[in-house]
Amino acid sequence: MARSTRTAARLFGLLACGIVLAACATQPAAQPHVPGFAAGLFHGFIAIVALLGSLYFHIRIYAFPNSGFWYDAGFVLGFSLNIVLLLLLVLPRIGGFFTRGH
């Protein structure tokens, strides 16, 4: 029983250290003309192509610094739209739910 208590105490100590170090993190100051929602939407939509391009060229798939929440929301929406469109294009070719029963 004492061994599990020591292990739990060590785990709690590591967690506490991680939280304290995370509290020290800072964000850069807001800058004018940073990418916003529309840029995030575009970057999310082309993220897969940009990821492949980053294997050969110096390309980043995520703009930093950006406007924060709205850029992130646009990026997630654009990436989700990209995945949905890819699935809609690929599923009929592999016998997905569009071709069942025909």
N, C-alpha and C. Protein backbone atom coordinates (compact mmCIF):
# COMPACT_ATOMS: atom_id res chain seq x y z
N MET A 1 0.81 -1.19 0.00
CA MET A 1 0.00 0.00 0.00
C MET A 1 0.86 1.26 0.00
N ALA A 2 1.97 1.25 0.70
CA ALA A 2 2.84 2.42 0.77
C ALA A 2 3.49 2.70 -0.58
N ARG A 3 3.75 1.65 -1.34
CA ARG A 3 4.38 1.82 -2.65
C ARG A 3 3.43 2.54 -3.62
N SER A 4 2.16 2.17 -3.60
CA SER A 4 1.21 2.83 -4.50
C SER A 4 0.98 4.28 -4.08
N THR A 5 1.08 4.56 -2.80
CA THR A 5 0.94 5.94 -2.32
C THR A 5 2.11 6.78 -2.81
N ARG A 6 3.32 6.21 -2.77
CA ARG A 6 4.50 6.94 -3.27
C ARG A 6 4.39 7.19 -4.77
N THR A 7 3.92 6.19 -5.49
CA THR A 7 3.76 6.34 -6.93
C THR A 7 2.74 7.42 -7.24
N ALA A 8 1.64 7.44 -6.53
CA ALA A 8 0.61 8.46 -6.72
C ALA A 8 1.16 9.84 -6.38
N ALA A 9 1.97 9.93 -5.33
CA ALA A 9 2.56 11.21 -4.94
C ALA A 9 3.52 11.71 -6.02
N ARG A 10 4.31 10.82 -6.60
CA ARG A 10 5.23 11.21 -7.68
C ARG A 10 4.46 11.67 -8.91
N LEU A 11 3.41 10.94 -9.24
CA LEU A 11 2.60 11.31 -10.38
C LEU A 11 1.95 12.67 -10.17
N PHE A 12 1.45 12.90 -8.97
CA PHE A 12 0.86 14.20 -8.64
C PHE A 12 1.91 15.30 -8.72
N GLY A 13 3.13 15.02 -8.24
CA GLY A 13 4.21 16.01 -8.30
C GLY A 13 4.57 16.36 -9.74
N LEU A 14 4.65 15.36 -10.61
CA LEU A 14 4.95 15.62 -12.02
C LEU A 14 3.83 16.43 -12.68
N LEU A 15 2.60 16.09 -12.35
CA LEU A 15 1.47 16.83 -12.89
C LEU A 15 1.49 18.28 -12.41
N ALA A 16 1.78 18.49 -11.14
CA ALA A 16 1.86 19.85 -10.59
C ALA A 16 2.98 20.65 -11.26
N CYS A 17 4.13 20.02 -11.50
CA CYS A 17 5.23 20.70 -12.18
C CYS A 17 4.84 21.08 -13.60
N GLY A 18 4.15 20.17 -14.28
CA GLY A 18 3.69 20.46 -15.64
C GLY A 18 2.73 21.63 -15.68
N ILE A 19 1.83 21.68 -14.72
CA ILE A 19 0.86 22.78 -14.66
C ILE A 19 1.57 24.10 -14.38
N VAL A 20 2.54 24.09 -13.47
CA VAL A 20 3.28 25.31 -13.14
C VAL A 20 4.07 25.79 -14.35
N LEU A 21 4.70 24.87 -15.08
CA LEU A 21 5.45 25.28 -16.27
C LEU A 21 4.53 25.78 -17.36
N ALA A 22 3.37 25.17 -17.52
CA ALA A 22 2.41 25.64 -18.53
C ALA A 22 1.89 27.03 -18.18
N ALA A 23 1.82 27.35 -16.92
CA ALA A 23 1.33 28.67 -16.50
C ALA A 23 2.32 29.77 -16.88
N CYS A 24 3.56 29.41 -17.13
CA CYS A 24 4.58 30.39 -17.49
C CYS A 24 4.55 30.73 -18.98
N ALA A 25 3.82 29.98 -19.78
CA ALA A 25 3.79 30.21 -21.22
C ALA A 25 3.14 31.55 -21.52
N THR A 26 3.67 32.22 -22.52
CA THR A 26 3.12 33.50 -22.93
C THR A 26 2.76 33.46 -24.41
N GLN A 27 1.87 34.32 -24.81
CA GLN A 27 1.48 34.46 -26.20
C GLN A 27 2.08 35.75 -26.73
N PRO A 28 2.41 35.77 -28.01
CA PRO A 28 2.94 37.01 -28.57
C PRO A 28 1.86 38.10 -28.57
N ALA A 29 2.31 39.32 -28.55
CA ALA A 29 1.38 40.45 -28.56
C ALA A 29 0.62 40.49 -29.88
N ALA A 30 -0.59 41.00 -29.84
CA ALA A 30 -1.41 41.10 -31.05
C ALA A 30 -0.72 42.02 -32.06
N GLN A 31 -0.76 41.61 -33.30
CA GLN A 31 -0.13 42.37 -34.37
C GLN A 31 -1.18 42.76 -35.40
N PRO A 32 -0.97 43.87 -36.09
CA PRO A 32 -1.93 44.23 -37.15
C PRO A 32 -1.74 43.34 -38.38
N HIS A 33 -2.78 43.17 -39.13
CA HIS A 33 -2.76 42.43 -40.40
C HIS A 33 -2.34 40.98 -40.24
N VAL A 34 -2.88 40.30 -39.23
CA VAL A 34 -2.62 38.87 -39.08
C VAL A 34 -3.76 38.10 -39.74
N PRO A 35 -3.52 36.86 -40.15
CA PRO A 35 -4.57 36.08 -40.79
C PRO A 35 -5.78 35.90 -39.88
N GLY A 36 -6.97 36.03 -40.46
CA GLY A 36 -8.21 35.89 -39.71
C GLY A 36 -9.01 34.68 -40.17
N PHE A 37 -10.34 34.79 -40.07
CA PHE A 37 -11.23 33.67 -40.37
C PHE A 37 -11.10 33.19 -41.81
N ALA A 38 -11.12 34.11 -42.77
CA ALA A 38 -11.08 33.72 -44.18
C ALA A 38 -9.76 33.02 -44.52
N ALA A 39 -8.65 33.53 -44.00
CA ALA A 39 -7.37 32.88 -44.24
C ALA A 39 -7.33 31.51 -43.58
N GLY A 40 -7.89 31.40 -42.38
CA GLY A 40 -7.96 30.10 -41.71
C GLY A 40 -8.79 29.10 -42.48
N LEU A 41 -9.91 29.57 -43.05
CA LEU A 41 -10.75 28.71 -43.87
C LEU A 41 -9.98 28.20 -45.08
N PHE A 42 -9.27 29.08 -45.75
CA PHE A 42 -8.47 28.69 -46.91
C PHE A 42 -7.34 27.75 -46.51
N HIS A 43 -6.61 28.08 -45.44
CA HIS A 43 -5.50 27.24 -45.00
C HIS A 43 -5.98 25.86 -44.57
N GLY A 44 -7.14 25.79 -43.94
CA GLY A 44 -7.69 24.49 -43.57
C GLY A 44 -8.09 23.69 -44.77
N PHE A 45 -8.64 24.36 -45.80
CA PHE A 45 -9.08 23.66 -47.00
C PHE A 45 -7.90 23.07 -47.77
N ILE A 46 -6.77 23.76 -47.78
CA ILE A 46 -5.60 23.27 -48.52
C ILE A 46 -4.58 22.58 -47.62
N ALA A 47 -4.96 22.24 -46.39
CA ALA A 47 -4.01 21.70 -45.42
C ALA A 47 -3.36 20.40 -45.90
N ILE A 48 -4.12 19.52 -46.52
CA ILE A 48 -3.55 18.24 -46.95
C ILE A 48 -2.52 18.46 -48.06
N VAL A 49 -2.85 19.33 -49.01
CA VAL A 49 -1.91 19.64 -50.08
C VAL A 49 -0.67 20.33 -49.51
N ALA A 50 -0.88 21.24 -48.57
CA ALA A 50 0.25 21.94 -47.95
C ALA A 50 1.12 20.97 -47.15
N LEU A 51 0.50 19.99 -46.50
CA LEU A 51 1.27 18.99 -45.75
C LEU A 51 2.16 18.20 -46.70
N LEU A 52 1.62 17.79 -47.82
CA LEU A 52 2.43 17.06 -48.81
C LEU A 52 3.54 17.96 -49.36
N GLY A 53 3.22 19.22 -49.63
CA GLY A 53 4.23 20.16 -50.12
C GLY A 53 5.32 20.43 -49.10
N SER A 54 4.97 20.37 -47.82
CA SER A 54 5.98 20.65 -46.78
C SER A 54 7.03 19.55 -46.69
N LEU A 55 6.77 18.41 -47.31
CA LEU A 55 7.79 17.36 -47.34
C LEU A 55 8.96 17.74 -48.24
N TYR A 56 8.70 18.59 -49.24
CA TYR A 56 9.71 18.95 -50.23
C TYR A 56 10.12 20.42 -50.20
N PHE A 57 9.25 21.28 -49.72
CA PHE A 57 9.53 22.72 -49.69
C PHE A 57 9.30 23.26 -48.28
N HIS A 58 9.76 24.49 -48.05
CA HIS A 58 9.57 25.12 -46.75
C HIS A 58 8.19 25.77 -46.72
N ILE A 59 7.16 24.95 -46.41
CA ILE A 59 5.77 25.41 -46.37
C ILE A 59 5.21 25.09 -44.99
N ARG A 60 4.49 26.03 -44.43
CA ARG A 60 3.80 25.78 -43.16
C ARG A 60 2.32 25.66 -43.44
N ILE A 61 1.65 24.72 -42.76
CA ILE A 61 0.23 24.53 -43.02
C ILE A 61 -0.64 25.36 -42.09
N TYR A 62 -0.03 26.03 -41.11
CA TYR A 62 -0.78 26.79 -40.12
C TYR A 62 -0.08 28.13 -39.93
N ALA A 63 -0.81 29.21 -40.12
CA ALA A 63 -0.20 30.54 -40.00
C ALA A 63 -0.01 30.92 -38.54
N PHE A 64 1.17 31.40 -38.22
CA PHE A 64 1.45 31.87 -36.87
C PHE A 64 2.33 33.09 -36.98
N PRO A 65 2.04 34.18 -36.33
CA PRO A 65 0.89 34.44 -35.46
C PRO A 65 -0.37 34.65 -36.29
N ASN A 66 -1.49 34.40 -35.65
CA ASN A 66 -2.78 34.58 -36.31
C ASN A 66 -3.71 35.31 -35.36
N SER A 67 -4.98 35.46 -35.76
CA SER A 67 -5.92 36.25 -34.96
C SER A 67 -6.54 35.47 -33.80
N GLY A 68 -6.16 34.23 -33.62
CA GLY A 68 -6.64 33.47 -32.47
C GLY A 68 -7.83 32.60 -32.79
N PHE A 69 -8.89 32.75 -32.01
CA PHE A 69 -10.05 31.87 -32.11
C PHE A 69 -10.65 31.84 -33.50
N TRP A 70 -10.81 33.00 -34.14
CA TRP A 70 -11.47 33.02 -35.44
C TRP A 70 -10.63 32.36 -36.51
N TYR A 71 -9.32 32.50 -36.45
CA TYR A 71 -8.46 31.78 -37.40
C TYR A 71 -8.60 30.28 -37.17
N ASP A 72 -8.56 29.87 -35.90
CA ASP A 72 -8.69 28.44 -35.58
C ASP A 72 -10.04 27.90 -36.04
N ALA A 73 -11.11 28.66 -35.82
CA ALA A 73 -12.44 28.22 -36.25
C ALA A 73 -12.49 28.07 -37.76
N GLY A 74 -11.93 29.01 -38.50
CA GLY A 74 -11.89 28.91 -39.96
C GLY A 74 -11.05 27.73 -40.42
N PHE A 75 -9.92 27.50 -39.75
CA PHE A 75 -9.05 26.38 -40.12
C PHE A 75 -9.78 25.06 -39.93
N VAL A 76 -10.42 24.88 -38.79
CA VAL A 76 -11.14 23.63 -38.51
C VAL A 76 -12.29 23.46 -39.50
N LEU A 77 -13.04 24.52 -39.77
CA LEU A 77 -14.14 24.44 -40.72
C LEU A 77 -13.64 24.11 -42.12
N GLY A 78 -12.57 24.74 -42.56
CA GLY A 78 -12.00 24.46 -43.87
C GLY A 78 -11.47 23.05 -43.98
N PHE A 79 -10.80 22.57 -42.94
CA PHE A 79 -10.28 21.20 -42.95
C PHE A 79 -11.42 20.19 -42.96
N SER A 80 -12.46 20.46 -42.16
CA SER A 80 -13.62 19.57 -42.13
C SER A 80 -14.31 19.53 -43.49
N LEU A 81 -14.46 20.68 -44.11
CA LEU A 81 -15.06 20.74 -45.44
C LEU A 81 -14.23 19.95 -46.45
N ASN A 82 -12.93 20.06 -46.34
CA ASN A 82 -12.03 19.31 -47.22
C ASN A 82 -12.23 17.81 -47.05
N ILE A 83 -12.29 17.33 -45.83
CA ILE A 83 -12.47 15.90 -45.57
C ILE A 83 -13.82 15.42 -46.07
N VAL A 84 -14.88 16.19 -45.83
CA VAL A 84 -16.21 15.81 -46.29
C VAL A 84 -16.24 15.71 -47.81
N LEU A 85 -15.67 16.69 -48.50
CA LEU A 85 -15.64 16.64 -49.96
C LEU A 85 -14.83 15.46 -50.47
N LEU A 86 -13.71 15.18 -49.84
CA LEU A 86 -12.91 14.01 -50.24
C LEU A 86 -13.71 12.72 -50.05
N LEU A 87 -14.40 12.59 -48.94
CA LEU A 87 -15.21 11.39 -48.71
C LEU A 87 -16.33 11.27 -49.73
N LEU A 88 -16.98 12.37 -50.06
CA LEU A 88 -18.05 12.34 -51.05
C LEU A 88 -17.54 11.95 -52.43
N LEU A 89 -16.29 12.31 -52.73
CA LEU A 89 -15.71 11.94 -54.01
C LEU A 89 -15.21 10.50 -54.04
N VAL A 90 -14.71 10.01 -52.91
CA VAL A 90 -14.07 8.69 -52.88
C VAL A 90 -15.06 7.57 -52.59
N LEU A 91 -16.05 7.80 -51.74
CA LEU A 91 -16.96 6.72 -51.35
C LEU A 91 -17.67 6.04 -52.51
N PRO A 92 -18.19 6.76 -53.50
CA PRO A 92 -18.84 6.05 -54.61
C PRO A 92 -17.87 5.13 -55.38
N ARG A 93 -16.62 5.50 -55.44
CA ARG A 93 -15.64 4.70 -56.18
C ARG A 93 -15.28 3.42 -55.45
N ILE A 94 -15.38 3.42 -54.12
CA ILE A 94 -15.01 2.22 -53.35
C ILE A 94 -16.24 1.45 -52.88
N GLY A 95 -17.41 1.78 -53.41
CA GLY A 95 -18.62 1.05 -53.03
C GLY A 95 -19.20 1.49 -51.71
N GLY A 96 -19.23 2.79 -51.49
CA GLY A 96 -19.75 3.32 -50.22
C GLY A 96 -21.26 3.32 -50.19
N PHE A 97 -21.81 4.10 -49.31
CA PHE A 97 -23.24 4.08 -49.06
C PHE A 97 -24.06 4.67 -50.23
N PHE A 98 -23.43 5.34 -51.20
CA PHE A 98 -24.15 5.86 -52.35
C PHE A 98 -24.50 4.78 -53.36
N THR A 99 -23.70 3.72 -53.41
CA THR A 99 -23.90 2.70 -54.43
C THR A 99 -24.54 1.42 -53.89
N ARG A 100 -24.83 1.34 -52.63
CA ARG A 100 -25.45 0.13 -52.08
C ARG A 100 -26.88 0.00 -52.57
N GLY A 101 -27.26 -1.23 -52.89
CA GLY A 101 -28.62 -1.52 -53.30
C GLY A 101 -28.87 -1.29 -54.79
N HIS A 102 -27.86 -0.93 -55.54
CA HIS A 102 -28.03 -0.70 -56.98
C HIS A 102 -27.43 -1.85 -57.74
